Amino acid sequence: MSFENEAADQHTIMKFFKYCLLFSLLLLFSCDKEGDQEPADPFSFTEAQILQVHNGDQKEWRLSEFYESYSDQVKSDQESCVTDDIYTFFANDRVATVAYGAQSCYWDMPTAQFGGATYTYYPESGNMFLDFSIAEQHDAFTSAEIWIMKLIELTPNRMVFANGSDDKPARAIVFETN
């Protein structure tokens, strides 16, 4: 092998190496860093935001709307019997007590109304869930419905819990402050 062939081979190898390096740099710097990240979950809330639910102690909310389909804006047949109820959310117990209004859901004169809500917040995901129930008793008969709903909207004066999928919320309850 001659010296000229070795020099030509080394030149070819160096040229190949430079092209590989240039190509690698182009790939590295042309990638969209923000596009590689997952988008933020719009239904995820920080602990500071969750304080709006109970103000660090307790806070009253009026149940203002009840939907069968929140995404289609179809109201529930039971809306009239729950929109006069006041819920007090407590910080320490993770419960909401209910002051029932005059309108009942199942019977004209129930012997008892019970139900309410408990909530669970998962700080690692930012998700908050509400176990929500409506129940009444009339003599020996009891009717109850229970739902688990995810917090999808929260402001100091309004919060919305819904079940279904994130892109098409179904049954939903809306609370507003007095």
N, C-alpha and C. Protein backbone atom coordinates (compact mmCIF):
# COMPACT_ATOMS: atom_id res chain seq x y z
N MET A 1 0.84 -1.16 0.00
CA MET A 1 0.00 0.00 0.00
C MET A 1 0.89 1.23 0.00
N SER A 2 0.58 2.13 -0.85
CA SER A 2 1.43 3.31 -0.97
C SER A 2 0.97 4.40 -0.01
N PHE A 3 1.89 5.31 0.20
CA PHE A 3 1.63 6.43 1.09
C PHE A 3 0.48 7.28 0.56
N GLU A 4 0.36 7.43 -0.74
CA GLU A 4 -0.69 8.24 -1.35
C GLU A 4 -2.06 7.60 -1.13
N ASN A 5 -2.15 6.27 -1.19
CA ASN A 5 -3.43 5.58 -0.96
C ASN A 5 -3.88 5.71 0.50
N GLU A 6 -2.88 5.63 1.43
CA GLU A 6 -3.21 5.78 2.84
C GLU A 6 -3.71 7.19 3.11
N ALA A 7 -3.10 8.18 2.57
CA ALA A 7 -3.52 9.57 2.76
C ALA A 7 -4.92 9.78 2.18
N ALA A 8 -5.20 9.20 1.03
CA ALA A 8 -6.52 9.33 0.41
C ALA A 8 -7.58 8.64 1.26
N ASP A 9 -7.25 7.47 1.81
CA ASP A 9 -8.19 6.75 2.68
C ASP A 9 -8.47 7.56 3.95
N GLN A 10 -7.42 8.13 4.54
CA GLN A 10 -7.61 8.92 5.76
C GLN A 10 -8.44 10.17 5.45
N HIS A 11 -8.21 10.77 4.30
CA HIS A 11 -8.97 11.94 3.90
C HIS A 11 -10.46 11.57 3.73
N THR A 12 -10.72 10.43 3.14
CA THR A 12 -12.09 9.96 2.94
C THR A 12 -12.76 9.67 4.28
N ILE A 13 -12.03 9.05 5.19
CA ILE A 13 -12.56 8.75 6.52
C ILE A 13 -12.86 10.03 7.28
N MET A 14 -11.96 11.01 7.21
CA MET A 14 -12.16 12.28 7.89
C MET A 14 -13.37 13.03 7.31
N LYS A 15 -13.50 12.96 6.01
CA LYS A 15 -14.62 13.61 5.34
C LYS A 15 -15.94 12.95 5.79
N PHE A 16 -15.94 11.62 5.83
CA PHE A 16 -17.12 10.88 6.29
C PHE A 16 -17.44 11.25 7.75
N PHE A 17 -16.42 11.32 8.59
CA PHE A 17 -16.60 11.67 9.99
C PHE A 17 -17.20 13.07 10.12
N LYS A 18 -16.72 14.04 9.33
CA LYS A 18 -17.23 15.40 9.39
C LYS A 18 -18.70 15.45 8.98
N TYR A 19 -19.07 14.68 7.95
CA TYR A 19 -20.47 14.66 7.52
C TYR A 19 -21.36 14.04 8.60
N CYS A 20 -20.89 13.00 9.23
CA CYS A 20 -21.66 12.37 10.32
C CYS A 20 -21.83 13.33 11.48
N LEU A 21 -20.76 14.03 11.83
CA LEU A 21 -20.82 15.01 12.91
C LEU A 21 -21.79 16.14 12.57
N LEU A 22 -21.71 16.64 11.36
CA LEU A 22 -22.59 17.71 10.92
C LEU A 22 -24.05 17.25 10.94
N PHE A 23 -24.31 16.05 10.44
CA PHE A 23 -25.66 15.50 10.43
C PHE A 23 -26.19 15.33 11.86
N SER A 24 -25.36 14.85 12.76
CA SER A 24 -25.76 14.67 14.16
C SER A 24 -26.08 16.00 14.81
N LEU A 25 -25.28 17.02 14.55
CA LEU A 25 -25.53 18.34 15.10
C LEU A 25 -26.84 18.92 14.56
N LEU A 26 -27.08 18.71 13.27
CA LEU A 26 -28.33 19.19 12.69
C LEU A 26 -29.53 18.54 13.36
N LEU A 27 -29.46 17.24 13.58
CA LEU A 27 -30.56 16.54 14.26
C LEU A 27 -30.74 17.05 15.68
N LEU A 28 -29.65 17.23 16.37
CA LEU A 28 -29.70 17.66 17.75
C LEU A 28 -30.33 19.03 17.89
N PHE A 29 -29.95 19.98 17.06
CA PHE A 29 -30.43 21.33 17.20
C PHE A 29 -31.72 21.62 16.46
N SER A 30 -32.13 20.75 15.58
CA SER A 30 -33.36 21.00 14.85
C SER A 30 -34.57 20.41 15.55
N CYS A 31 -34.38 19.61 16.58
CA CYS A 31 -35.51 19.04 17.32
C CYS A 31 -36.20 20.12 18.13
N ASP A 32 -37.51 20.12 18.10
CA ASP A 32 -38.32 21.06 18.86
C ASP A 32 -38.44 20.52 20.28
N LYS A 33 -37.73 21.14 21.20
CA LYS A 33 -37.70 20.66 22.59
C LYS A 33 -39.08 20.75 23.24
N GLU A 34 -39.80 21.86 23.02
CA GLU A 34 -41.10 22.00 23.64
C GLU A 34 -42.12 21.07 23.02
N GLY A 35 -41.97 20.75 21.76
CA GLY A 35 -42.88 19.82 21.09
C GLY A 35 -42.72 18.41 21.58
N ASP A 36 -41.56 18.08 22.16
CA ASP A 36 -41.32 16.74 22.66
C ASP A 36 -41.99 16.51 24.01
N GLN A 37 -42.35 17.57 24.72
CA GLN A 37 -42.96 17.43 26.03
C GLN A 37 -44.45 17.17 25.88
N GLU A 38 -45.01 16.40 26.83
CA GLU A 38 -46.44 16.18 26.82
C GLU A 38 -47.14 17.47 27.21
N PRO A 39 -48.29 17.75 26.59
CA PRO A 39 -49.01 18.97 26.97
C PRO A 39 -49.52 18.85 28.41
N ALA A 40 -49.65 19.98 29.06
CA ALA A 40 -50.13 20.00 30.44
C ALA A 40 -51.59 19.53 30.48
N ASP A 41 -51.94 18.80 31.52
CA ASP A 41 -53.30 18.32 31.70
C ASP A 41 -54.17 19.51 32.12
N PRO A 42 -55.18 19.87 31.31
CA PRO A 42 -56.00 21.03 31.67
C PRO A 42 -56.87 20.79 32.90
N PHE A 43 -56.99 19.52 33.32
CA PHE A 43 -57.80 19.17 34.49
C PHE A 43 -56.93 18.79 35.67
N SER A 44 -55.73 19.34 35.70
CA SER A 44 -54.78 19.12 36.79
C SER A 44 -54.66 20.42 37.57
N PHE A 45 -54.68 20.31 38.90
CA PHE A 45 -54.70 21.50 39.74
C PHE A 45 -53.61 21.40 40.81
N THR A 46 -53.00 22.52 41.12
CA THR A 46 -51.96 22.56 42.15
C THR A 46 -52.62 22.60 43.53
N GLU A 47 -51.82 22.33 44.55
CA GLU A 47 -52.35 22.41 45.91
C GLU A 47 -52.81 23.82 46.23
N ALA A 48 -52.12 24.82 45.71
CA ALA A 48 -52.53 26.21 45.93
C ALA A 48 -53.90 26.48 45.30
N GLN A 49 -54.14 25.93 44.12
CA GLN A 49 -55.45 26.09 43.48
C GLN A 49 -56.54 25.37 44.27
N ILE A 50 -56.23 24.19 44.79
CA ILE A 50 -57.22 23.40 45.54
C ILE A 50 -57.66 24.13 46.81
N LEU A 51 -56.83 25.02 47.34
CA LEU A 51 -57.23 25.80 48.51
C LEU A 51 -58.51 26.60 48.25
N GLN A 52 -58.79 26.91 46.99
CA GLN A 52 -60.01 27.64 46.64
C GLN A 52 -61.27 26.86 47.00
N VAL A 53 -61.14 25.55 47.10
CA VAL A 53 -62.30 24.71 47.41
C VAL A 53 -62.79 24.96 48.83
N HIS A 54 -61.87 25.14 49.76
CA HIS A 54 -62.25 25.26 51.18
C HIS A 54 -61.60 26.43 51.90
N ASN A 55 -60.81 27.23 51.20
CA ASN A 55 -60.12 28.40 51.78
C ASN A 55 -59.25 28.04 52.99
N GLY A 56 -58.74 26.82 53.02
CA GLY A 56 -57.88 26.40 54.12
C GLY A 56 -58.64 26.00 55.37
N ASP A 57 -59.94 26.20 55.39
CA ASP A 57 -60.77 25.84 56.55
C ASP A 57 -62.09 25.27 56.05
N GLN A 58 -63.01 26.14 55.65
CA GLN A 58 -64.29 25.70 55.10
C GLN A 58 -64.84 26.78 54.18
N LYS A 59 -65.67 26.33 53.25
CA LYS A 59 -66.25 27.27 52.30
C LYS A 59 -67.58 26.72 51.82
N GLU A 60 -68.59 27.60 51.73
CA GLU A 60 -69.92 27.20 51.26
C GLU A 60 -70.03 27.38 49.75
N TRP A 61 -70.66 26.39 49.13
CA TRP A 61 -70.93 26.41 47.70
C TRP A 61 -72.39 26.03 47.47
N ARG A 62 -73.02 26.70 46.55
CA ARG A 62 -74.39 26.34 46.14
C ARG A 62 -74.29 25.48 44.89
N LEU A 63 -74.99 24.36 44.89
CA LEU A 63 -75.02 23.54 43.68
C LEU A 63 -75.95 24.27 42.71
N SER A 64 -75.39 24.79 41.62
CA SER A 64 -76.14 25.68 40.74
C SER A 64 -76.64 25.02 39.45
N GLU A 65 -75.95 23.96 39.01
CA GLU A 65 -76.36 23.28 37.77
C GLU A 65 -76.05 21.80 37.87
N PHE A 66 -76.88 21.00 37.22
CA PHE A 66 -76.69 19.55 37.21
C PHE A 66 -76.96 19.08 35.78
N TYR A 67 -75.97 18.46 35.16
CA TYR A 67 -76.05 18.07 33.75
C TYR A 67 -76.03 16.54 33.58
N GLU A 68 -76.81 16.08 32.63
CA GLU A 68 -76.68 14.69 32.16
C GLU A 68 -75.51 14.61 31.19
N SER A 69 -75.33 15.66 30.39
CA SER A 69 -74.22 15.74 29.44
C SER A 69 -73.69 17.17 29.44
N TYR A 70 -72.57 17.35 30.10
CA TYR A 70 -71.98 18.68 30.19
C TYR A 70 -71.47 19.14 28.82
N SER A 71 -70.88 18.23 28.06
CA SER A 71 -70.34 18.61 26.74
C SER A 71 -71.45 19.02 25.77
N ASP A 72 -72.64 18.41 25.92
CA ASP A 72 -73.77 18.75 25.05
C ASP A 72 -74.73 19.74 25.71
N GLN A 73 -74.41 20.17 26.96
CA GLN A 73 -75.23 21.11 27.71
C GLN A 73 -76.68 20.62 27.91
N VAL A 74 -76.82 19.31 28.20
CA VAL A 74 -78.13 18.73 28.48
C VAL A 74 -78.29 18.65 30.00
N LYS A 75 -79.28 19.35 30.53
CA LYS A 75 -79.51 19.39 31.97
C LYS A 75 -80.14 18.09 32.45
N SER A 76 -79.89 17.78 33.72
CA SER A 76 -80.47 16.60 34.37
C SER A 76 -81.91 16.88 34.79
N ASP A 77 -82.74 15.84 34.77
CA ASP A 77 -84.11 15.96 35.28
C ASP A 77 -84.12 16.26 36.77
N GLN A 78 -83.03 15.93 37.46
CA GLN A 78 -82.94 16.15 38.90
C GLN A 78 -82.40 17.53 39.27
N GLU A 79 -82.12 18.35 38.28
CA GLU A 79 -81.51 19.64 38.59
C GLU A 79 -82.33 20.46 39.58
N SER A 80 -83.63 20.51 39.40
CA SER A 80 -84.47 21.37 40.27
C SER A 80 -84.44 20.94 41.72
N CYS A 81 -84.17 19.66 41.99
CA CYS A 81 -84.19 19.20 43.38
C CYS A 81 -82.85 19.36 44.08
N VAL A 82 -81.80 19.72 43.37
CA VAL A 82 -80.49 19.87 44.02
C VAL A 82 -79.97 21.30 43.99
N THR A 83 -80.54 22.15 43.16
CA THR A 83 -80.00 23.51 43.04
C THR A 83 -80.37 24.41 44.21
N ASP A 84 -81.14 23.89 45.14
CA ASP A 84 -81.41 24.67 46.36
C ASP A 84 -80.59 24.14 47.55
N ASP A 85 -79.64 23.25 47.28
CA ASP A 85 -78.80 22.67 48.33
C ASP A 85 -77.50 23.46 48.47
N ILE A 86 -77.04 23.62 49.71
CA ILE A 86 -75.78 24.31 50.00
C ILE A 86 -74.79 23.29 50.56
N TYR A 87 -73.61 23.25 49.96
CA TYR A 87 -72.55 22.32 50.38
C TYR A 87 -71.45 23.12 51.05
N THR A 88 -71.01 22.64 52.21
CA THR A 88 -69.88 23.25 52.89
C THR A 88 -68.70 22.28 52.79
N PHE A 89 -67.66 22.71 52.09
CA PHE A 89 -66.45 21.89 51.91
C PHE A 89 -65.47 22.23 53.03
N PHE A 90 -64.99 21.18 53.69
CA PHE A 90 -64.06 21.34 54.82
C PHE A 90 -62.66 20.88 54.41
N ALA A 91 -61.66 21.58 54.91
CA ALA A 91 -60.27 21.28 54.57
C ALA A 91 -59.77 20.01 55.25
N ASN A 92 -60.01 19.87 56.52
CA ASN A 92 -59.39 18.77 57.28
C ASN A 92 -60.06 17.43 57.06
N ASP A 93 -61.37 17.41 56.92
CA ASP A 93 -62.10 16.15 56.83
C ASP A 93 -62.25 15.64 55.41
N ARG A 94 -61.99 16.48 54.43
CA ARG A 94 -62.17 16.13 53.02
C ARG A 94 -63.61 15.72 52.72
N VAL A 95 -64.54 16.36 53.41
CA VAL A 95 -65.96 16.10 53.19
C VAL A 95 -66.66 17.41 52.89
N ALA A 96 -67.87 17.26 52.37
CA ALA A 96 -68.76 18.40 52.19
C ALA A 96 -70.09 18.02 52.82
N THR A 97 -70.51 18.80 53.78
CA THR A 97 -71.82 18.57 54.38
C THR A 97 -72.86 19.30 53.55
N VAL A 98 -74.13 18.86 53.68
CA VAL A 98 -75.19 19.42 52.86
C VAL A 98 -76.29 20.01 53.73
N ALA A 99 -76.68 21.22 53.40
CA ALA A 99 -77.89 21.81 53.95
C ALA A 99 -78.92 21.71 52.83
N TYR A 100 -79.88 20.80 53.01
CA TYR A 100 -80.85 20.53 51.95
C TYR A 100 -81.87 21.64 51.84
N GLY A 101 -82.23 21.94 50.60
CA GLY A 101 -83.27 22.92 50.35
C GLY A 101 -84.64 22.29 50.48
N ALA A 102 -85.65 23.04 50.08
CA ALA A 102 -87.04 22.60 50.23
C ALA A 102 -87.44 21.53 49.21
N GLN A 103 -86.77 21.51 48.07
CA GLN A 103 -87.15 20.60 46.99
C GLN A 103 -86.50 19.23 47.21
N SER A 104 -87.30 18.18 47.21
CA SER A 104 -86.75 16.83 47.33
C SER A 104 -86.65 16.20 45.95
N CYS A 105 -85.87 15.12 45.85
CA CYS A 105 -85.62 14.50 44.54
C CYS A 105 -86.54 13.33 44.21
N TYR A 106 -86.95 12.56 45.22
CA TYR A 106 -87.66 11.32 44.93
C TYR A 106 -89.10 11.28 45.42
N TRP A 107 -89.37 11.88 46.60
CA TRP A 107 -90.71 11.87 47.17
C TRP A 107 -91.11 13.29 47.56
N ASP A 108 -92.41 13.52 47.58
CA ASP A 108 -92.89 14.84 47.98
C ASP A 108 -92.54 15.15 49.43
N MET A 109 -92.66 14.16 50.29
CA MET A 109 -92.39 14.36 51.72
C MET A 109 -91.47 13.26 52.22
N PRO A 110 -90.18 13.33 51.92
CA PRO A 110 -89.28 12.28 52.41
C PRO A 110 -89.17 12.34 53.94
N THR A 111 -88.98 11.17 54.54
CA THR A 111 -88.77 11.14 55.99
C THR A 111 -87.32 11.48 56.32
N ALA A 112 -86.42 11.34 55.35
CA ALA A 112 -85.02 11.71 55.56
C ALA A 112 -84.36 12.02 54.22
N GLN A 113 -83.46 12.97 54.24
CA GLN A 113 -82.60 13.25 53.09
C GLN A 113 -81.16 13.07 53.58
N PHE A 114 -80.38 12.35 52.83
CA PHE A 114 -78.99 12.16 53.21
C PHE A 114 -78.17 12.00 51.94
N GLY A 115 -76.91 11.87 52.10
CA GLY A 115 -75.99 11.85 50.97
C GLY A 115 -74.96 12.92 51.24
N GLY A 116 -74.37 13.43 50.21
CA GLY A 116 -73.36 14.46 50.39
C GLY A 116 -72.18 14.21 49.48
N ALA A 117 -71.01 14.57 49.97
CA ALA A 117 -69.83 14.46 49.12
C ALA A 117 -68.58 14.28 49.97
N THR A 118 -67.67 13.50 49.45
CA THR A 118 -66.31 13.43 49.98
C THR A 118 -65.38 13.64 48.80
N TYR A 119 -64.24 14.22 49.06
CA TYR A 119 -63.32 14.48 47.95
C TYR A 119 -61.93 13.98 48.28
N THR A 120 -61.21 13.64 47.22
CA THR A 120 -59.84 13.16 47.34
C THR A 120 -58.99 13.91 46.33
N TYR A 121 -57.89 14.46 46.82
CA TYR A 121 -56.94 15.18 45.96
C TYR A 121 -55.65 14.40 45.90
N TYR A 122 -55.13 14.20 44.68
CA TYR A 122 -53.88 13.49 44.45
C TYR A 122 -52.83 14.50 43.96
N PRO A 123 -51.97 15.00 44.87
CA PRO A 123 -51.03 16.05 44.48
C PRO A 123 -50.04 15.62 43.40
N GLU A 124 -49.68 14.33 43.35
CA GLU A 124 -48.71 13.90 42.33
C GLU A 124 -49.25 14.03 40.92
N SER A 125 -50.56 13.89 40.74
CA SER A 125 -51.15 14.05 39.41
C SER A 125 -51.92 15.36 39.27
N GLY A 126 -52.26 15.96 40.40
CA GLY A 126 -53.05 17.20 40.37
C GLY A 126 -54.53 16.95 40.17
N ASN A 127 -54.96 15.69 40.26
CA ASN A 127 -56.36 15.36 40.06
C ASN A 127 -57.13 15.37 41.38
N MET A 128 -58.37 15.83 41.30
CA MET A 128 -59.26 15.81 42.46
C MET A 128 -60.56 15.12 42.04
N PHE A 129 -61.02 14.22 42.90
CA PHE A 129 -62.25 13.47 42.62
C PHE A 129 -63.26 13.71 43.72
N LEU A 130 -64.53 13.72 43.33
CA LEU A 130 -65.62 13.93 44.26
C LEU A 130 -66.53 12.71 44.21
N ASP A 131 -66.76 12.08 45.38
CA ASP A 131 -67.77 11.03 45.51
C ASP A 131 -69.04 11.76 45.93
N PHE A 132 -70.01 11.80 45.06
CA PHE A 132 -71.20 12.62 45.23
C PHE A 132 -72.43 11.73 45.27
N SER A 133 -73.31 12.00 46.24
CA SER A 133 -74.52 11.16 46.33
C SER A 133 -75.75 11.99 46.66
N ILE A 134 -76.87 11.52 46.15
CA ILE A 134 -78.18 12.06 46.47
C ILE A 134 -78.99 10.88 47.01
N ALA A 135 -79.58 11.04 48.17
CA ALA A 135 -80.34 9.93 48.76
C ALA A 135 -81.49 10.47 49.60
N GLU A 136 -82.59 9.72 49.56
CA GLU A 136 -83.76 10.06 50.37
C GLU A 136 -84.42 8.78 50.86
N GLN A 137 -85.10 8.95 51.98
CA GLN A 137 -85.86 7.84 52.53
C GLN A 137 -87.30 8.28 52.71
N HIS A 138 -88.22 7.38 52.42
CA HIS A 138 -89.64 7.61 52.66
C HIS A 138 -90.18 6.35 53.32
N ASP A 139 -90.40 6.45 54.60
CA ASP A 139 -90.80 5.29 55.41
C ASP A 139 -89.76 4.18 55.25
N ALA A 140 -90.13 3.03 54.72
CA ALA A 140 -89.20 1.90 54.60
C ALA A 140 -88.44 1.90 53.27
N PHE A 141 -88.70 2.87 52.42
CA PHE A 141 -88.09 2.88 51.09
C PHE A 141 -86.95 3.91 51.02
N THR A 142 -85.90 3.52 50.32
CA THR A 142 -84.75 4.40 50.15
C THR A 142 -84.39 4.45 48.67
N SER A 143 -84.09 5.63 48.19
CA SER A 143 -83.56 5.81 46.83
C SER A 143 -82.25 6.57 46.94
N ALA A 144 -81.26 6.11 46.19
CA ALA A 144 -79.95 6.77 46.24
C ALA A 144 -79.25 6.63 44.90
N GLU A 145 -78.48 7.64 44.60
CA GLU A 145 -77.60 7.61 43.43
C GLU A 145 -76.24 8.13 43.86
N ILE A 146 -75.19 7.47 43.36
CA ILE A 146 -73.82 7.82 43.72
C ILE A 146 -72.99 7.94 42.45
N TRP A 147 -72.20 9.00 42.38
CA TRP A 147 -71.32 9.21 41.24
C TRP A 147 -69.92 9.57 41.73
N ILE A 148 -68.93 9.22 40.95
CA ILE A 148 -67.56 9.68 41.19
C ILE A 148 -67.22 10.59 40.02
N MET A 149 -66.85 11.81 40.34
CA MET A 149 -66.59 12.81 39.30
C MET A 149 -65.24 13.47 39.52
N LYS A 150 -64.65 13.90 38.42
CA LYS A 150 -63.33 14.54 38.43
C LYS A 150 -63.50 16.05 38.31
N LEU A 151 -62.69 16.79 39.07
CA LEU A 151 -62.69 18.24 38.97
C LEU A 151 -62.15 18.65 37.60
N ILE A 152 -62.95 19.43 36.86
CA ILE A 152 -62.50 19.85 35.52
C ILE A 152 -62.40 21.36 35.39
N GLU A 153 -62.94 22.09 36.36
CA GLU A 153 -62.86 23.55 36.31
C GLU A 153 -62.86 24.07 37.74
N LEU A 154 -61.99 25.05 38.00
CA LEU A 154 -61.93 25.62 39.35
C LEU A 154 -61.50 27.08 39.28
N THR A 155 -62.36 27.94 39.80
CA THR A 155 -62.04 29.35 40.01
C THR A 155 -62.45 29.67 41.44
N PRO A 156 -62.15 30.84 41.96
CA PRO A 156 -62.58 31.15 43.33
C PRO A 156 -64.10 31.11 43.53
N ASN A 157 -64.88 31.27 42.45
CA ASN A 157 -66.33 31.33 42.56
C ASN A 157 -67.09 30.22 41.84
N ARG A 158 -66.37 29.31 41.21
CA ARG A 158 -67.06 28.26 40.43
C ARG A 158 -66.18 27.02 40.36
N MET A 159 -66.80 25.85 40.53
CA MET A 159 -66.08 24.60 40.31
C MET A 159 -67.03 23.61 39.65
N VAL A 160 -66.46 22.81 38.75
CA VAL A 160 -67.24 21.84 37.99
C VAL A 160 -66.59 20.48 38.14
N PHE A 161 -67.40 19.50 38.50
CA PHE A 161 -66.99 18.10 38.56
C PHE A 161 -67.77 17.34 37.50
N ALA A 162 -67.10 16.44 36.78
CA ALA A 162 -67.78 15.69 35.73
C ALA A 162 -67.21 14.28 35.64
N ASN A 163 -68.04 13.36 35.13
CA ASN A 163 -67.52 12.05 34.78
C ASN A 163 -67.55 11.92 33.27
N GLY A 164 -67.18 10.80 32.74
CA GLY A 164 -67.04 10.65 31.30
C GLY A 164 -65.58 10.84 30.92
N SER A 165 -65.32 11.10 29.68
CA SER A 165 -63.94 11.28 29.22
C SER A 165 -63.56 12.75 29.30
N ASP A 166 -62.25 13.01 29.32
CA ASP A 166 -61.77 14.39 29.41
C ASP A 166 -62.22 15.23 28.22
N ASP A 167 -62.31 14.62 27.04
CA ASP A 167 -62.69 15.40 25.86
C ASP A 167 -64.20 15.47 25.66
N LYS A 168 -64.97 14.68 26.42
CA LYS A 168 -66.44 14.71 26.32
C LYS A 168 -67.05 14.44 27.70
N PRO A 169 -67.01 15.45 28.58
CA PRO A 169 -67.57 15.25 29.92
C PRO A 169 -69.06 14.93 29.86
N ALA A 170 -69.50 13.99 30.66
CA ALA A 170 -70.90 13.57 30.67
C ALA A 170 -71.60 14.23 31.86
N ARG A 171 -72.09 13.41 32.81
CA ARG A 171 -72.79 13.95 33.97
C ARG A 171 -71.87 14.91 34.70
N ALA A 172 -72.42 16.05 35.09
CA ALA A 172 -71.60 17.08 35.75
C ALA A 172 -72.43 17.86 36.75
N ILE A 173 -71.75 18.33 37.78
CA ILE A 173 -72.38 19.24 38.74
C ILE A 173 -71.52 20.50 38.81
N VAL A 174 -72.21 21.60 38.92
CA VAL A 174 -71.55 22.91 38.98
C VAL A 174 -71.88 23.54 40.32
N PHE A 175 -70.83 23.95 41.01
CA PHE A 175 -70.98 24.66 42.27
C PHE A 175 -70.54 26.10 42.07
N GLU A 176 -71.27 27.01 42.73
CA GLU A 176 -70.90 28.42 42.72
C GLU A 176 -70.98 28.94 44.16
N THR A 177 -70.17 29.93 44.45
CA THR A 177 -70.20 30.50 45.79
C THR A 177 -71.40 31.43 45.91
N ASN A 178 -71.86 31.60 47.12
CA ASN A 178 -73.02 32.48 47.36
C ASN A 178 -72.65 33.93 47.21
